[in-house]
C-alpha atoms as a PDB file:
ATOM      1  CA  VAL A   1     -21.450  25.516  61.055  1.00  0.00           C
ATOM      2  CA  THR A   2     -20.804  29.218  60.518  1.00  0.00           C
ATOM      3  CA  ALA A   3     -22.797  32.240  61.631  1.00  0.00           C
ATOM      4  CA  THR A   4     -21.853  35.910  61.423  1.00  0.00           C
ATOM      5  CA  ASP A   5     -22.962  39.002  63.282  1.00  0.00           C
ATOM      6  CA  ALA A   6     -22.360  42.489  61.874  1.00  0.00           C
ATOM      7  CA  ASP A   7     -22.114  44.045  65.363  1.00  0.00           C
ATOM      8  CA  GLU A   8     -18.711  45.076  66.662  1.00  0.00           C
ATOM      9  CA  GLY A   9     -17.042  44.030  69.896  1.00  0.00           C
ATOM     10  CA  LEU A  10     -18.690  41.715  72.380  1.00  0.00           C
ATOM     11  CA  TYR A  11     -22.089  41.807  70.657  1.00  0.00           C
ATOM     12  CA  GLY A  12     -20.526  40.590  67.394  1.00  0.00           C
ATOM     13  CA  HIS A  13     -18.962  37.470  68.934  1.00  0.00           C
ATOM     14  CA  VAL A  14     -20.948  34.339  68.019  1.00  0.00           C
ATOM     15  CA  LYS A  15     -20.934  31.180  70.144  1.00  0.00           C
ATOM     16  CA  TYR A  16     -22.519  27.839  69.307  1.00  0.00           C
ATOM     17  CA  SER A  17     -24.445  25.256  71.298  1.00  0.00           C
ATOM     18  CA  LEU A  18     -26.325  22.046  70.676  1.00  0.00           C
ATOM     19  CA  LYS A  19     -30.037  22.611  71.065  1.00  0.00           C
ATOM     20  CA  LYS A  20     -31.245  19.109  70.269  1.00  0.00           C
ATOM     21  CA  VAL A  21     -29.157  15.977  69.917  1.00  0.00           C
ATOM     22  CA  SER A  22     -29.960  12.304  70.467  1.00  0.00           C
ATOM     23  CA  ASP A  23     -28.075  10.311  73.091  1.00  0.00           C
ATOM     24  CA  MET A  24     -26.416   8.256  70.354  1.00  0.00           C
ATOM     25  CA  ALA A  25     -25.312  11.340  68.418  1.00  0.00           C
ATOM     26  CA  SER A  26     -23.884  12.974  71.544  1.00  0.00           C
ATOM     27  CA  ASP A  27     -21.527   9.982  71.863  1.00  0.00           C
ATOM     28  CA  ILE A  28     -20.383  10.406  68.247  1.00  0.00           C
ATOM     29  CA  PHE A  29     -20.213  14.157  67.529  1.00  0.00           C
ATOM     30  CA  ARG A  30     -18.529  17.073  69.271  1.00  0.00           C
ATOM     31  CA  LEU A  31     -19.339  20.751  68.703  1.00  0.00           C
ATOM     32  CA  ASN A  32     -16.668  23.397  69.260  1.00  0.00           C
ATOM     33  CA  TYR A  33     -18.640  26.123  71.044  1.00  0.00           C
ATOM     34  CA  GLU A  34     -16.275  28.882  69.837  1.00  0.00           C
ATOM     35  CA  THR A  35     -15.868  27.946  66.143  1.00  0.00           C
ATOM     36  CA  GLY A  36     -18.988  25.912  65.301  1.00  0.00           C
ATOM     37  CA  GLU A  37     -16.849  23.038  64.025  1.00  0.00           C
ATOM     38  CA  VAL A  38     -18.507  19.612  64.280  1.00  0.00           C
ATOM     39  CA  THR A  39     -16.061  16.713  64.624  1.00  0.00           C
ATOM     40  CA  LEU A  40     -16.314  12.961  65.137  1.00  0.00           C
ATOM     41  CA  LEU A  41     -15.437  11.411  68.485  1.00  0.00           C
ATOM     42  CA  ARG A  42     -15.310   7.973  66.865  1.00  0.00           C
ATOM     43  CA  SER A  43     -15.875   6.346  63.482  1.00  0.00           C
ATOM     44  CA  LEU A  44     -19.379   6.183  62.059  1.00  0.00           C
ATOM     45  CA  ASP A  45     -21.018   2.762  61.851  1.00  0.00           C
ATOM     46  CA  PHE A  46     -23.762   2.430  59.229  1.00  0.00           C
ATOM     47  CA  GLU A  47     -25.253  -0.476  61.174  1.00  0.00           C
ATOM     48  CA  GLU A  48     -25.871   1.806  64.186  1.00  0.00           C
ATOM     49  CA  GLY A  49     -27.626   4.471  62.172  1.00  0.00           C
ATOM     50  CA  GLU A  50     -28.100   5.595  58.571  1.00  0.00           C
ATOM     51  CA  SER A  51     -28.048   9.269  59.467  1.00  0.00           C
ATOM     52  CA  TYR A  52     -27.847  11.601  62.442  1.00  0.00           C
ATOM     53  CA  GLU A  53     -29.458  14.968  63.060  1.00  0.00           C
ATOM     54  CA  LEU A  54     -28.138  17.728  65.291  1.00  0.00           C
ATOM     55  CA  GLU A  55     -29.719  21.115  65.986  1.00  0.00           C
ATOM     56  CA  VAL A  56     -27.031  23.753  66.387  1.00  0.00           C
ATOM     57  CA  GLN A  57     -27.831  27.182  67.780  1.00  0.00           C
ATOM     58  CA  ALA A  58     -25.657  30.246  67.160  1.00  0.00           C
ATOM     59  CA  HIS A  59     -26.070  33.127  69.603  1.00  0.00           C
ATOM     60  CA  ASP A  60     -24.457  36.474  70.307  1.00  0.00           C
ATOM     61  CA  ALA A  61     -23.927  38.331  73.579  1.00  0.00           C
ATOM     62  CA  GLY A  62     -26.979  40.479  72.858  1.00  0.00           C
ATOM     63  CA  GLY A  63     -29.348  37.543  73.215  1.00  0.00           C
ATOM     64  CA  LEU A  64     -30.056  37.042  69.517  1.00  0.00           C
ATOM     65  CA  PHE A  65     -29.860  33.520  68.091  1.00  0.00           C
ATOM     66  CA  ASP A  66     -30.691  31.300  65.148  1.00  0.00           C
ATOM     67  CA  THR A  67     -30.911  27.537  64.820  1.00  0.00           C
ATOM     68  CA  THR A  68     -30.048  25.147  62.008  1.00  0.00           C
ATOM     69  CA  LYS A  69     -30.236  21.396  61.482  1.00  0.00           C
ATOM     70  CA  VAL A  70     -27.132  19.440  60.572  1.00  0.00           C
ATOM     71  CA  THR A  71     -27.829  16.018  59.062  1.00  0.00           C
END
């Protein structure tokens, strides 16, 4: 996930967080709070679930944010 902020300095630095994630998905996916990179903690198993949905929020130091769904 990538977000940009046109501000300079501290207010232009974007950090990421998980807003909504199921218990099962939290055992499978990891979000890098600095880069927005989503990685697997273990292999996916189609029998456990066909798809997963995460809500990732990007926010700056000025209190602005936006949210997106990752499926």
